[in-house]
Amino acid sequence: MRKMTKGELTKERIFLSAKELFYNQGYNATTIQQIADHSATTLGSMTYHFATKDTFIAKIFEDYLNSITKSLREKLVGYKPINSFENHFYLTMVWYNYLLTDPNVNNFYHEISQNESLYPFLHLRMSDIYHGFVRDFNLRIRAIEFDALLIADFGARRDLTRAFCEKKIKMPVEDFSILIITNTARCFGIPEKSIYRVSYEALLFFRNHDFSEIKLLI
């Protein structure tokens, strides 16, 4: 394995320090200067690698998504072939479990949902996933309708998650995850029988596998 350069080590140290601070004191209360101090770097060095606090968000969630994807791929070895909807359902179950069960992560996620820092990251990836839905189920959706559904789905997810974090929606995280993805599936016109079958299979798969190694922050 290639050794990391001094610059790469510095960037990684800054990134880990930011995640620790975000976890312990929240996103809003953490400043760029605090991250620099905590990582024992200068402010100039820190902003060279991460210009603003928002630049941490995409990397945090990209790493999170990659860790879930890798874990699912390993656990699905020998399992039946799954389509894009099934894969996304399984991923969503894991995605929300850690975001919403750890109080500190819950608070962090709620805070960043108040601004647009997460939107660019999610928009691109959700677009790719939902195009898979259209392909696998041969859905007749025009491009303009697809774009409108993508915006509506993101808004619904954001508002529902905020309400859950604020305890306005009271249900187990498993049920909330199923609510989120089945709402999306119905908006896109995925057959109800497929939604019911996959929700049941995804719940069993999630309960029968250990995903505790996956972390968003620390």
N, C-alpha and C. Protein backbone atom coordinates (compact mmCIF):
# COMPACT_ATOMS: atom_id res chain seq x y z
N MET A 1 0.84 -1.20 0.00
CA MET A 1 0.00 0.00 0.00
C MET A 1 0.88 1.26 0.00
N ARG A 2 0.53 2.22 -0.85
CA ARG A 2 1.31 3.45 -0.95
C ARG A 2 1.22 4.27 0.33
N LYS A 3 2.37 4.79 0.77
CA LYS A 3 2.38 5.63 1.96
C LYS A 3 1.77 6.98 1.63
N MET A 4 1.01 7.52 2.58
CA MET A 4 0.40 8.83 2.38
C MET A 4 1.46 9.91 2.46
N THR A 5 1.31 10.94 1.64
CA THR A 5 2.23 12.07 1.68
C THR A 5 1.95 12.91 2.92
N LYS A 6 2.85 13.82 3.21
CA LYS A 6 2.67 14.71 4.36
C LYS A 6 1.39 15.52 4.22
N GLY A 7 1.13 16.01 3.00
CA GLY A 7 -0.09 16.78 2.77
C GLY A 7 -1.34 15.95 2.96
N GLU A 8 -1.30 14.69 2.50
CA GLU A 8 -2.45 13.80 2.66
C GLU A 8 -2.69 13.47 4.13
N LEU A 9 -1.61 13.28 4.87
CA LEU A 9 -1.74 13.01 6.30
C LEU A 9 -2.34 14.21 7.03
N THR A 10 -1.92 15.40 6.64
CA THR A 10 -2.47 16.62 7.24
C THR A 10 -3.95 16.74 6.94
N LYS A 11 -4.32 16.50 5.70
CA LYS A 11 -5.73 16.59 5.31
C LYS A 11 -6.57 15.58 6.07
N GLU A 12 -6.06 14.37 6.22
CA GLU A 12 -6.80 13.33 6.95
C GLU A 12 -6.93 13.70 8.42
N ARG A 13 -5.88 14.27 9.00
CA ARG A 13 -5.94 14.68 10.41
C ARG A 13 -6.98 15.78 10.61
N ILE A 14 -7.03 16.72 9.69
CA ILE A 14 -8.02 17.80 9.76
C ILE A 14 -9.43 17.22 9.65
N PHE A 15 -9.60 16.31 8.71
CA PHE A 15 -10.91 15.70 8.47
C PHE A 15 -11.41 14.94 9.70
N LEU A 16 -10.54 14.15 10.29
CA LEU A 16 -10.92 13.39 11.48
C LEU A 16 -11.23 14.32 12.66
N SER A 17 -10.47 15.40 12.77
CA SER A 17 -10.72 16.37 13.85
C SER A 17 -12.07 17.04 13.66
N ALA A 18 -12.39 17.39 12.42
CA ALA A 18 -13.68 18.02 12.14
C ALA A 18 -14.83 17.09 12.50
N LYS A 19 -14.71 15.82 12.13
CA LYS A 19 -15.77 14.86 12.44
C LYS A 19 -15.95 14.70 13.95
N GLU A 20 -14.84 14.68 14.67
CA GLU A 20 -14.93 14.55 16.13
C GLU A 20 -15.63 15.76 16.74
N LEU A 21 -15.29 16.96 16.27
CA LEU A 21 -15.92 18.17 16.79
C LEU A 21 -17.39 18.24 16.40
N PHE A 22 -17.70 17.89 15.17
CA PHE A 22 -19.10 17.88 14.74
C PHE A 22 -19.92 16.93 15.60
N TYR A 23 -19.32 15.80 15.95
CA TYR A 23 -20.03 14.81 16.76
C TYR A 23 -20.24 15.32 18.19
N ASN A 24 -19.21 15.89 18.77
CA ASN A 24 -19.26 16.25 20.19
C ASN A 24 -19.98 17.57 20.47
N GLN A 25 -19.90 18.53 19.54
CA GLN A 25 -20.52 19.82 19.83
C GLN A 25 -21.46 20.32 18.74
N GLY A 26 -21.66 19.52 17.69
CA GLY A 26 -22.59 19.91 16.64
C GLY A 26 -21.92 20.68 15.52
N TYR A 27 -22.64 20.78 14.40
CA TYR A 27 -22.11 21.47 13.23
C TYR A 27 -22.09 22.98 13.43
N ASN A 28 -23.19 23.53 13.91
CA ASN A 28 -23.31 24.99 14.02
C ASN A 28 -22.34 25.58 15.03
N ALA A 29 -22.07 24.86 16.11
CA ALA A 29 -21.20 25.39 17.16
C ALA A 29 -19.72 25.24 16.84
N THR A 30 -19.40 24.48 15.82
CA THR A 30 -17.99 24.24 15.47
C THR A 30 -17.52 25.29 14.47
N THR A 31 -16.37 25.88 14.74
CA THR A 31 -15.81 26.90 13.85
C THR A 31 -14.59 26.35 13.12
N ILE A 32 -14.25 27.03 12.03
CA ILE A 32 -13.05 26.66 11.27
C ILE A 32 -11.81 26.75 12.16
N GLN A 33 -11.74 27.79 12.99
CA GLN A 33 -10.59 27.96 13.87
C GLN A 33 -10.49 26.80 14.87
N GLN A 34 -11.62 26.35 15.39
CA GLN A 34 -11.61 25.23 16.32
C GLN A 34 -11.08 23.96 15.65
N ILE A 35 -11.48 23.75 14.42
CA ILE A 35 -11.00 22.57 13.69
C ILE A 35 -9.49 22.65 13.49
N ALA A 36 -9.00 23.84 13.12
CA ALA A 36 -7.56 24.02 12.94
C ALA A 36 -6.81 23.76 14.24
N ASP A 37 -7.32 24.32 15.34
CA ASP A 37 -6.67 24.13 16.64
C ASP A 37 -6.69 22.66 17.06
N HIS A 38 -7.83 22.01 16.87
CA HIS A 38 -7.98 20.62 17.31
C HIS A 38 -7.08 19.68 16.51
N SER A 39 -6.83 20.03 15.25
CA SER A 39 -6.00 19.18 14.39
C SER A 39 -4.53 19.61 14.41
N ALA A 40 -4.22 20.61 15.24
CA ALA A 40 -2.84 21.11 15.37
C ALA A 40 -2.27 21.57 14.03
N THR A 41 -3.10 22.30 13.28
CA THR A 41 -2.65 22.87 12.02
C THR A 41 -2.93 24.37 12.03
N THR A 42 -2.31 25.08 11.12
CA THR A 42 -2.58 26.50 11.01
C THR A 42 -3.91 26.71 10.28
N LEU A 43 -4.50 27.86 10.46
CA LEU A 43 -5.75 28.17 9.77
C LEU A 43 -5.54 28.17 8.26
N GLY A 44 -4.39 28.66 7.83
CA GLY A 44 -4.09 28.68 6.40
C GLY A 44 -4.00 27.29 5.81
N SER A 45 -3.35 26.39 6.54
CA SER A 45 -3.23 25.00 6.07
C SER A 45 -4.60 24.33 6.04
N MET A 46 -5.42 24.62 7.06
CA MET A 46 -6.73 24.00 7.13
C MET A 46 -7.62 24.44 5.97
N THR A 47 -7.64 25.75 5.71
CA THR A 47 -8.50 26.25 4.64
C THR A 47 -7.96 25.90 3.25
N TYR A 48 -6.68 25.55 3.17
CA TYR A 48 -6.13 25.07 1.90
C TYR A 48 -6.79 23.75 1.52
N HIS A 49 -6.99 22.89 2.51
CA HIS A 49 -7.59 21.58 2.25
C HIS A 49 -9.11 21.62 2.29
N PHE A 50 -9.68 22.42 3.20
CA PHE A 50 -11.13 22.54 3.34
C PHE A 50 -11.46 24.02 3.50
N ALA A 51 -11.89 24.64 2.42
CA ALA A 51 -12.06 26.10 2.40
C ALA A 51 -13.11 26.58 3.41
N THR A 52 -14.19 25.83 3.57
CA THR A 52 -15.26 26.20 4.49
C THR A 52 -15.75 24.96 5.22
N LYS A 53 -16.60 25.17 6.21
CA LYS A 53 -17.17 24.01 6.91
C LYS A 53 -17.99 23.15 5.96
N ASP A 54 -18.69 23.79 5.03
CA ASP A 54 -19.54 23.03 4.12
C ASP A 54 -18.76 22.05 3.26
N THR A 55 -17.48 22.34 3.01
CA THR A 55 -16.70 21.43 2.17
C THR A 55 -16.44 20.09 2.85
N PHE A 56 -16.62 20.03 4.16
CA PHE A 56 -16.48 18.75 4.85
C PHE A 56 -17.68 17.84 4.58
N ILE A 57 -18.84 18.45 4.33
CA ILE A 57 -20.08 17.68 4.27
C ILE A 57 -20.07 16.63 3.17
N ALA A 58 -19.68 17.04 1.96
CA ALA A 58 -19.69 16.10 0.84
C ALA A 58 -18.78 14.91 1.12
N LYS A 59 -17.59 15.16 1.68
CA LYS A 59 -16.66 14.05 1.96
C LYS A 59 -17.19 13.15 3.07
N ILE A 60 -17.78 13.75 4.09
CA ILE A 60 -18.35 12.95 5.18
C ILE A 60 -19.40 11.98 4.65
N PHE A 61 -20.30 12.50 3.82
CA PHE A 61 -21.39 11.65 3.34
C PHE A 61 -20.96 10.74 2.19
N GLU A 62 -19.97 11.15 1.43
CA GLU A 62 -19.44 10.26 0.40
C GLU A 62 -18.78 9.04 1.05
N ASP A 63 -18.00 9.28 2.10
CA ASP A 63 -17.38 8.16 2.83
C ASP A 63 -18.44 7.27 3.46
N TYR A 64 -19.48 7.90 4.00
CA TYR A 64 -20.57 7.15 4.64
C TYR A 64 -21.27 6.26 3.63
N LEU A 65 -21.62 6.84 2.49
CA LEU A 65 -22.29 6.08 1.44
C LEU A 65 -21.40 4.95 0.93
N ASN A 66 -20.13 5.23 0.74
CA ASN A 66 -19.21 4.21 0.25
C ASN A 66 -19.07 3.06 1.24
N SER A 67 -19.06 3.38 2.53
CA SER A 67 -18.92 2.33 3.54
C SER A 67 -20.17 1.44 3.58
N ILE A 68 -21.34 2.05 3.40
CA ILE A 68 -22.58 1.26 3.36
C ILE A 68 -22.60 0.38 2.11
N THR A 69 -22.24 0.97 0.97
CA THR A 69 -22.22 0.23 -0.29
C THR A 69 -21.27 -0.96 -0.22
N LYS A 70 -20.09 -0.74 0.34
CA LYS A 70 -19.10 -1.82 0.48
C LYS A 70 -19.62 -2.92 1.40
N SER A 71 -20.20 -2.53 2.53
CA SER A 71 -20.72 -3.51 3.47
C SER A 71 -21.85 -4.33 2.85
N LEU A 72 -22.75 -3.65 2.14
CA LEU A 72 -23.85 -4.36 1.49
C LEU A 72 -23.33 -5.33 0.44
N ARG A 73 -22.36 -4.88 -0.35
CA ARG A 73 -21.81 -5.74 -1.40
C ARG A 73 -21.24 -7.02 -0.81
N GLU A 74 -20.54 -6.89 0.31
CA GLU A 74 -19.96 -8.06 0.96
C GLU A 74 -21.03 -8.98 1.53
N LYS A 75 -22.07 -8.39 2.10
CA LYS A 75 -23.12 -9.20 2.74
C LYS A 75 -24.08 -9.81 1.72
N LEU A 76 -24.09 -9.26 0.50
CA LEU A 76 -24.99 -9.78 -0.53
C LEU A 76 -24.35 -10.89 -1.36
N VAL A 77 -23.09 -11.21 -1.08
CA VAL A 77 -22.43 -12.31 -1.78
C VAL A 77 -23.19 -13.61 -1.50
N GLY A 78 -23.60 -14.29 -2.56
CA GLY A 78 -24.36 -15.53 -2.40
C GLY A 78 -25.85 -15.31 -2.23
N TYR A 79 -26.26 -14.04 -2.14
CA TYR A 79 -27.68 -13.70 -2.02
C TYR A 79 -28.28 -13.64 -3.41
N LYS A 80 -29.58 -13.58 -3.49
CA LYS A 80 -30.23 -13.51 -4.81
C LYS A 80 -29.88 -12.20 -5.51
N PRO A 81 -29.86 -12.18 -6.85
CA PRO A 81 -29.61 -10.93 -7.58
C PRO A 81 -30.68 -9.89 -7.22
N ILE A 82 -30.27 -8.64 -7.09
CA ILE A 82 -31.23 -7.59 -6.74
C ILE A 82 -31.15 -6.46 -7.76
N ASN A 83 -32.29 -5.79 -7.96
CA ASN A 83 -32.32 -4.68 -8.90
C ASN A 83 -32.02 -3.37 -8.17
N SER A 84 -32.10 -2.26 -8.90
CA SER A 84 -31.73 -0.96 -8.33
C SER A 84 -32.64 -0.56 -7.17
N PHE A 85 -33.92 -0.88 -7.26
CA PHE A 85 -34.86 -0.53 -6.20
C PHE A 85 -34.56 -1.33 -4.93
N GLU A 86 -34.32 -2.62 -5.08
CA GLU A 86 -34.01 -3.46 -3.93
C GLU A 86 -32.71 -2.99 -3.27
N ASN A 87 -31.70 -2.73 -4.08
CA ASN A 87 -30.42 -2.27 -3.54
C ASN A 87 -30.59 -0.96 -2.77
N HIS A 88 -31.38 -0.05 -3.34
CA HIS A 88 -31.59 1.24 -2.68
C HIS A 88 -32.40 1.08 -1.40
N PHE A 89 -33.32 0.16 -1.39
CA PHE A 89 -34.13 -0.09 -0.19
C PHE A 89 -33.23 -0.59 0.94
N TYR A 90 -32.37 -1.55 0.61
CA TYR A 90 -31.46 -2.09 1.62
C TYR A 90 -30.53 -0.99 2.13
N LEU A 91 -30.01 -0.20 1.21
CA LEU A 91 -29.09 0.88 1.58
C LEU A 91 -29.78 1.91 2.47
N THR A 92 -31.03 2.24 2.14
CA THR A 92 -31.76 3.24 2.92
C THR A 92 -31.98 2.78 4.36
N MET A 93 -32.24 1.49 4.54
CA MET A 93 -32.42 0.96 5.89
C MET A 93 -31.18 1.21 6.75
N VAL A 94 -30.01 1.00 6.15
CA VAL A 94 -28.76 1.20 6.89
C VAL A 94 -28.47 2.69 7.04
N TRP A 95 -28.70 3.46 5.98
CA TRP A 95 -28.42 4.90 5.96
C TRP A 95 -29.08 5.62 7.13
N TYR A 96 -30.37 5.40 7.32
CA TYR A 96 -31.09 6.12 8.37
C TYR A 96 -30.86 5.54 9.76
N ASN A 97 -30.49 4.26 9.82
CA ASN A 97 -30.33 3.65 11.14
C ASN A 97 -29.30 4.39 11.98
N TYR A 98 -28.12 4.65 11.42
CA TYR A 98 -27.10 5.32 12.22
C TYR A 98 -27.37 6.82 12.32
N LEU A 99 -27.91 7.42 11.26
CA LEU A 99 -28.18 8.85 11.30
C LEU A 99 -29.17 9.22 12.40
N LEU A 100 -30.12 8.34 12.66
CA LEU A 100 -31.23 8.71 13.53
C LEU A 100 -31.26 8.00 14.88
N THR A 101 -30.35 7.06 15.11
CA THR A 101 -30.35 6.37 16.40
C THR A 101 -29.33 6.94 17.37
N ASP A 102 -28.25 7.52 16.86
CA ASP A 102 -27.26 8.15 17.72
C ASP A 102 -27.66 9.61 17.93
N PRO A 103 -27.92 10.05 19.16
CA PRO A 103 -28.40 11.42 19.40
C PRO A 103 -27.48 12.51 18.85
N ASN A 104 -26.17 12.32 18.96
CA ASN A 104 -25.23 13.33 18.47
C ASN A 104 -25.25 13.42 16.95
N VAL A 105 -25.32 12.28 16.29
CA VAL A 105 -25.40 12.27 14.83
C VAL A 105 -26.74 12.82 14.37
N ASN A 106 -27.79 12.47 15.10
CA ASN A 106 -29.12 12.99 14.82
C ASN A 106 -29.11 14.52 14.83
N ASN A 107 -28.47 15.09 15.85
CA ASN A 107 -28.39 16.55 15.97
C ASN A 107 -27.59 17.15 14.81
N PHE A 108 -26.46 16.52 14.48
CA PHE A 108 -25.62 16.99 13.37
C PHE A 108 -26.41 16.97 12.06
N TYR A 109 -27.10 15.87 11.81
CA TYR A 109 -27.87 15.72 10.56
C TYR A 109 -29.00 16.74 10.50
N HIS A 110 -29.63 16.98 11.63
CA HIS A 110 -30.71 17.96 11.67
C HIS A 110 -30.18 19.36 11.37
N GLU A 111 -29.02 19.69 11.91
CA GLU A 111 -28.44 21.02 11.68
C GLU A 111 -28.07 21.24 10.21
N ILE A 112 -27.44 20.25 9.58
CA ILE A 112 -27.03 20.47 8.19
C ILE A 112 -28.22 20.40 7.24
N SER A 113 -29.33 19.81 7.69
CA SER A 113 -30.52 19.78 6.83
C SER A 113 -31.16 21.15 6.71
N GLN A 114 -30.74 22.08 7.57
CA GLN A 114 -31.30 23.43 7.54
C GLN A 114 -30.69 24.28 6.42
N ASN A 115 -29.56 23.84 5.86
CA ASN A 115 -28.96 24.60 4.76
C ASN A 115 -28.85 23.70 3.53
N GLU A 116 -28.21 24.20 2.50
CA GLU A 116 -28.15 23.47 1.22
C GLU A 116 -26.85 22.70 1.03
N SER A 117 -26.03 22.57 2.08
CA SER A 117 -24.70 21.97 1.91
C SER A 117 -24.75 20.51 1.48
N LEU A 118 -25.80 19.80 1.85
CA LEU A 118 -25.90 18.38 1.51
C LEU A 118 -26.58 18.16 0.16
N TYR A 119 -27.30 19.16 -0.33
CA TYR A 119 -28.12 18.97 -1.53
C TYR A 119 -27.32 18.58 -2.77
N PRO A 120 -26.21 19.28 -3.11
CA PRO A 120 -25.48 18.91 -4.33
C PRO A 120 -25.00 17.46 -4.33
N PHE A 121 -24.54 16.99 -3.17
CA PHE A 121 -24.06 15.61 -3.06
C PHE A 121 -25.21 14.63 -3.31
N LEU A 122 -26.33 14.84 -2.63
CA LEU A 122 -27.45 13.91 -2.74
C LEU A 122 -28.13 13.98 -4.11
N HIS A 123 -28.23 15.18 -4.67
CA HIS A 123 -28.95 15.35 -5.93
C HIS A 123 -28.35 14.47 -7.03
N LEU A 124 -27.04 14.51 -7.18
CA LEU A 124 -26.39 13.74 -8.23
C LEU A 124 -26.57 12.24 -8.03
N ARG A 125 -26.39 11.79 -6.80
CA ARG A 125 -26.48 10.35 -6.54
C ARG A 125 -27.91 9.83 -6.61
N MET A 126 -28.86 10.61 -6.12
CA MET A 126 -30.25 10.18 -6.19
C MET A 126 -30.73 10.14 -7.64
N SER A 127 -30.26 11.06 -8.45
CA SER A 127 -30.62 11.05 -9.86
C SER A 127 -30.17 9.76 -10.53
N ASP A 128 -28.95 9.33 -10.25
CA ASP A 128 -28.45 8.07 -10.83
C ASP A 128 -29.27 6.88 -10.36
N ILE A 129 -29.59 6.86 -9.06
CA ILE A 129 -30.36 5.74 -8.50
C ILE A 129 -31.76 5.68 -9.10
N TYR A 130 -32.41 6.83 -9.21
CA TYR A 130 -33.79 6.84 -9.71
C TYR A 130 -33.87 6.56 -11.21
N HIS A 131 -32.81 6.88 -11.93
CA HIS A 131 -32.77 6.47 -13.34
C HIS A 131 -32.73 4.94 -13.43
N GLY A 132 -32.12 4.31 -12.43
CA GLY A 132 -32.13 2.85 -12.36
C GLY A 132 -33.54 2.32 -12.16
N PHE A 133 -34.34 3.00 -11.34
CA PHE A 133 -35.74 2.60 -11.15
C PHE A 133 -36.48 2.62 -12.49
N VAL A 134 -36.30 3.72 -13.21
CA VAL A 134 -36.98 3.89 -14.50
C VAL A 134 -36.60 2.78 -15.46
N ARG A 135 -35.32 2.45 -15.49
CA ARG A 135 -34.83 1.40 -16.39
C ARG A 135 -35.33 0.02 -15.98
N ASP A 136 -35.20 -0.32 -14.69
CA ASP A 136 -35.53 -1.67 -14.25
C ASP A 136 -37.03 -1.97 -14.30
N PHE A 137 -37.85 -0.95 -14.11
CA PHE A 137 -39.30 -1.16 -14.11
C PHE A 137 -39.97 -0.63 -15.39
N ASN A 138 -39.14 -0.20 -16.34
CA ASN A 138 -39.65 0.31 -17.61
C ASN A 138 -40.74 1.37 -17.38
N LEU A 139 -40.43 2.32 -16.50
CA LEU A 139 -41.39 3.36 -16.16
C LEU A 139 -41.43 4.43 -17.24
N ARG A 140 -42.62 4.88 -17.56
CA ARG A 140 -42.78 5.91 -18.58
C ARG A 140 -42.83 7.28 -17.91
N ILE A 141 -41.67 7.87 -17.76
CA ILE A 141 -41.55 9.17 -17.12
C ILE A 141 -40.73 10.08 -18.02
N ARG A 142 -41.31 11.21 -18.40
CA ARG A 142 -40.60 12.17 -19.23
C ARG A 142 -39.50 12.86 -18.41
N ALA A 143 -38.52 13.41 -19.11
CA ALA A 143 -37.38 14.04 -18.45
C ALA A 143 -37.83 15.15 -17.50
N ILE A 144 -38.78 15.97 -17.94
CA ILE A 144 -39.24 17.08 -17.10
C ILE A 144 -39.98 16.55 -15.87
N GLU A 145 -40.70 15.44 -16.03
CA GLU A 145 -41.38 14.82 -14.90
C GLU A 145 -40.37 14.21 -13.93
N PHE A 146 -39.32 13.61 -14.49
CA PHE A 146 -38.28 13.02 -13.65
C PHE A 146 -37.63 14.09 -12.78
N ASP A 147 -37.28 15.22 -13.38
CA ASP A 147 -36.64 16.30 -12.63
C ASP A 147 -37.55 16.82 -11.52
N ALA A 148 -38.85 16.92 -11.83
CA ALA A 148 -39.81 17.40 -10.83
C ALA A 148 -39.94 16.40 -9.68
N LEU A 149 -39.96 15.11 -10.01
CA LEU A 149 -40.06 14.07 -8.98
C LEU A 149 -38.82 14.07 -8.09
N LEU A 150 -37.66 14.30 -8.69
CA LEU A 150 -36.41 14.33 -7.93
C LEU A 150 -36.43 15.46 -6.91
N ILE A 151 -36.88 16.64 -7.33
CA ILE A 151 -36.96 17.79 -6.43
C ILE A 151 -37.98 17.54 -5.33
N ALA A 152 -39.14 17.00 -5.71
CA ALA A 152 -40.19 16.73 -4.73
C ALA A 152 -39.75 15.68 -3.72
N ASP A 153 -39.07 14.65 -4.20
CA ASP A 153 -38.60 13.58 -3.31
C ASP A 153 -37.58 14.11 -2.32
N PHE A 154 -36.64 14.93 -2.80
CA PHE A 154 -35.63 15.48 -1.91
C PHE A 154 -36.28 16.35 -0.84
N GLY A 155 -37.25 17.17 -1.25
CA GLY A 155 -37.94 18.03 -0.29
C GLY A 155 -38.71 17.22 0.74
N ALA A 156 -39.36 16.16 0.29
CA ALA A 156 -40.13 15.31 1.22
C ALA A 156 -39.20 14.61 2.21
N ARG A 157 -38.09 14.08 1.72
CA ARG A 157 -37.12 13.41 2.60
C ARG A 157 -36.59 14.39 3.64
N ARG A 158 -36.22 15.57 3.17
CA ARG A 158 -35.66 16.58 4.08
C ARG A 158 -36.67 16.96 5.16
N ASP A 159 -37.90 17.24 4.76
CA ASP A 159 -38.91 17.69 5.73
C ASP A 159 -39.31 16.57 6.68
N LEU A 160 -39.43 15.36 6.17
CA LEU A 160 -39.78 14.23 7.03
C LEU A 160 -38.67 13.94 8.03
N THR A 161 -37.43 14.01 7.56
CA THR A 161 -36.30 13.75 8.46
C THR A 161 -36.19 14.83 9.53
N ARG A 162 -36.40 16.08 9.15
CA ARG A 162 -36.41 17.15 10.15
C ARG A 162 -37.48 16.89 11.20
N ALA A 163 -38.66 16.52 10.74
CA ALA A 163 -39.77 16.26 11.67
C ALA A 163 -39.44 15.10 12.60
N PHE A 164 -38.76 14.08 12.06
CA PHE A 164 -38.37 12.94 12.90
C PHE A 164 -37.34 13.38 13.94
N CYS A 165 -36.35 14.15 13.50
CA CYS A 165 -35.31 14.62 14.43
C CYS A 165 -35.90 15.50 15.53
N GLU A 166 -36.94 16.25 15.18
CA GLU A 166 -37.60 17.14 16.15
C GLU A 166 -38.67 16.42 16.95
N LYS A 167 -38.77 15.09 16.74
CA LYS A 167 -39.71 14.23 17.47
C LYS A 167 -41.17 14.57 17.17
N LYS A 168 -41.40 15.15 16.00
CA LYS A 168 -42.78 15.39 15.56
C LYS A 168 -43.36 14.13 14.92
N ILE A 169 -42.49 13.27 14.45
CA ILE A 169 -42.88 11.95 13.95
C ILE A 169 -42.32 10.93 14.93
N LYS A 170 -43.18 10.14 15.52
CA LYS A 170 -42.75 9.18 16.53
C LYS A 170 -43.03 7.76 16.04
N MET A 171 -41.96 7.10 15.63
CA MET A 171 -42.03 5.71 15.19
C MET A 171 -40.63 5.14 15.23
N PRO A 172 -40.48 3.81 15.23
CA PRO A 172 -39.14 3.23 15.19
C PRO A 172 -38.40 3.66 13.92
N VAL A 173 -37.07 3.73 14.00
CA VAL A 173 -36.27 4.15 12.85
C VAL A 173 -36.49 3.21 11.67
N GLU A 174 -36.63 1.92 11.94
CA GLU A 174 -36.89 0.96 10.86
C GLU A 174 -38.15 1.34 10.09
N ASP A 175 -39.21 1.66 10.82
CA ASP A 175 -40.48 2.03 10.17
C ASP A 175 -40.34 3.34 9.41
N PHE A 176 -39.57 4.26 9.97
CA PHE A 176 -39.36 5.55 9.29
C PHE A 176 -38.61 5.34 7.98
N SER A 177 -37.60 4.49 7.99
CA SER A 177 -36.83 4.21 6.78
C SER A 177 -37.72 3.62 5.69
N ILE A 178 -38.59 2.71 6.09
CA ILE A 178 -39.53 2.10 5.14
C ILE A 178 -40.50 3.14 4.61
N LEU A 179 -40.96 4.04 5.48
CA LEU A 179 -41.86 5.11 5.06
C LEU A 179 -41.21 5.98 3.99
N ILE A 180 -39.95 6.34 4.21
CA ILE A 180 -39.23 7.20 3.26
C ILE A 180 -39.14 6.57 1.88
N ILE A 181 -38.66 5.33 1.82
CA ILE A 181 -38.41 4.71 0.52
C ILE A 181 -39.70 4.27 -0.17
N THR A 182 -40.71 3.85 0.59
CA THR A 182 -41.96 3.48 -0.07
C THR A 182 -42.67 4.71 -0.62
N ASN A 183 -42.52 5.84 0.05
CA ASN A 183 -43.08 7.09 -0.46
C ASN A 183 -42.45 7.43 -1.81
N THR A 184 -41.13 7.29 -1.89
CA THR A 184 -40.42 7.53 -3.15
C THR A 184 -40.89 6.58 -4.24
N ALA A 185 -40.99 5.30 -3.89
CA ALA A 185 -41.39 4.28 -4.86
C ALA A 185 -42.77 4.56 -5.43
N ARG A 186 -43.70 4.97 -4.58
CA ARG A 186 -45.06 5.26 -5.06
C ARG A 186 -45.08 6.49 -5.95
N CYS A 187 -44.25 7.47 -5.63
CA CYS A 187 -44.18 8.67 -6.48
C CYS A 187 -43.72 8.32 -7.89
N PHE A 188 -42.81 7.35 -7.99
CA PHE A 188 -42.28 6.97 -9.30
C PHE A 188 -43.15 5.93 -10.01
N GLY A 189 -44.13 5.40 -9.30
CA GLY A 189 -45.04 4.45 -9.94
C GLY A 189 -44.57 3.01 -9.92
N ILE A 190 -43.70 2.66 -8.99
CA ILE A 190 -43.28 1.27 -8.85
C ILE A 190 -44.47 0.45 -8.35
N PRO A 191 -44.72 -0.72 -8.93
CA PRO A 191 -45.89 -1.52 -8.55
C PRO A 191 -45.97 -1.80 -7.05
N GLU A 192 -47.18 -1.74 -6.53
CA GLU A 192 -47.39 -1.92 -5.09
C GLU A 192 -46.92 -3.29 -4.60
N LYS A 193 -47.10 -4.32 -5.42
CA LYS A 193 -46.65 -5.66 -5.01
C LYS A 193 -45.14 -5.69 -4.82
N SER A 194 -44.42 -5.01 -5.69
CA SER A 194 -42.96 -4.96 -5.57
C SER A 194 -42.55 -4.19 -4.32
N ILE A 195 -43.25 -3.10 -4.03
CA ILE A 195 -42.95 -2.30 -2.84
C ILE A 195 -43.14 -3.14 -1.58
N TYR A 196 -44.25 -3.85 -1.52
CA TYR A 196 -44.56 -4.65 -0.33
C TYR A 196 -43.53 -5.77 -0.15
N ARG A 197 -43.21 -6.47 -1.25
CA ARG A 197 -42.27 -7.59 -1.17
C ARG A 197 -40.89 -7.12 -0.75
N VAL A 198 -40.41 -6.05 -1.39
CA VAL A 198 -39.05 -5.58 -1.11
C VAL A 198 -38.94 -4.99 0.30
N SER A 199 -39.99 -4.32 0.76
CA SER A 199 -39.94 -3.76 2.12
C SER A 199 -39.81 -4.87 3.15
N TYR A 200 -40.51 -5.97 2.93
CA TYR A 200 -40.44 -7.11 3.85
C TYR A 200 -39.05 -7.76 3.80
N GLU A 201 -38.54 -7.98 2.59
CA GLU A 201 -37.23 -8.62 2.43
C GLU A 201 -36.11 -7.73 2.98
N ALA A 202 -36.21 -6.43 2.74
CA ALA A 202 -35.17 -5.50 3.21
C ALA A 202 -35.14 -5.44 4.74
N LEU A 203 -36.32 -5.46 5.35
CA LEU A 203 -36.39 -5.43 6.81
C LEU A 203 -35.74 -6.68 7.40
N LEU A 204 -36.04 -7.85 6.84
CA LEU A 204 -35.44 -9.09 7.32
C LEU A 204 -33.92 -9.08 7.11
N PHE A 205 -33.50 -8.61 5.95
CA PHE A 205 -32.06 -8.57 5.66
C PHE A 205 -31.34 -7.66 6.64
N PHE A 206 -31.93 -6.51 6.91
CA PHE A 206 -31.32 -5.56 7.84
C PHE A 206 -31.23 -6.14 9.24
N ARG A 207 -32.28 -6.79 9.69
CA ARG A 207 -32.29 -7.36 11.04
C ARG A 207 -31.35 -8.54 11.19
N ASN A 208 -31.06 -9.22 10.09
CA ASN A 208 -30.24 -10.43 10.16
C ASN A 208 -28.76 -10.18 9.89
N HIS A 209 -28.38 -8.92 9.70
CA HIS A 209 -26.97 -8.61 9.44
C HIS A 209 -26.50 -7.48 10.35
N ASP A 210 -25.23 -7.53 10.67
CA ASP A 210 -24.63 -6.54 11.57
C ASP A 210 -23.96 -5.44 10.75
N PHE A 211 -24.43 -4.21 10.93
CA PHE A 211 -23.84 -3.06 10.23
C PHE A 211 -23.19 -2.08 11.22
N SER A 212 -22.85 -2.57 12.40
CA SER A 212 -22.35 -1.68 13.45
C SER A 212 -20.99 -1.07 13.12
N GLU A 213 -20.30 -1.61 12.10
CA GLU A 213 -18.99 -1.06 11.75
C GLU A 213 -19.11 0.26 10.99
N ILE A 214 -20.30 0.58 10.53
CA ILE A 214 -20.51 1.77 9.71
C ILE A 214 -20.73 2.99 10.60
N LYS A 215 -19.94 4.03 10.36
CA LYS A 215 -20.06 5.26 11.14
C LYS A 215 -20.11 6.47 10.20
N LEU A 216 -20.85 7.47 10.60
CA LEU A 216 -20.86 8.73 9.84
C LEU A 216 -19.76 9.66 10.34
N LEU A 217 -19.68 9.82 11.66
CA LEU A 217 -18.69 10.74 12.24
C LEU A 217 -17.63 9.95 13.02
N ILE A 218 -17.96 9.50 14.21
CA ILE A 218 -17.01 8.70 14.99
C ILE A 218 -17.75 7.52 15.62
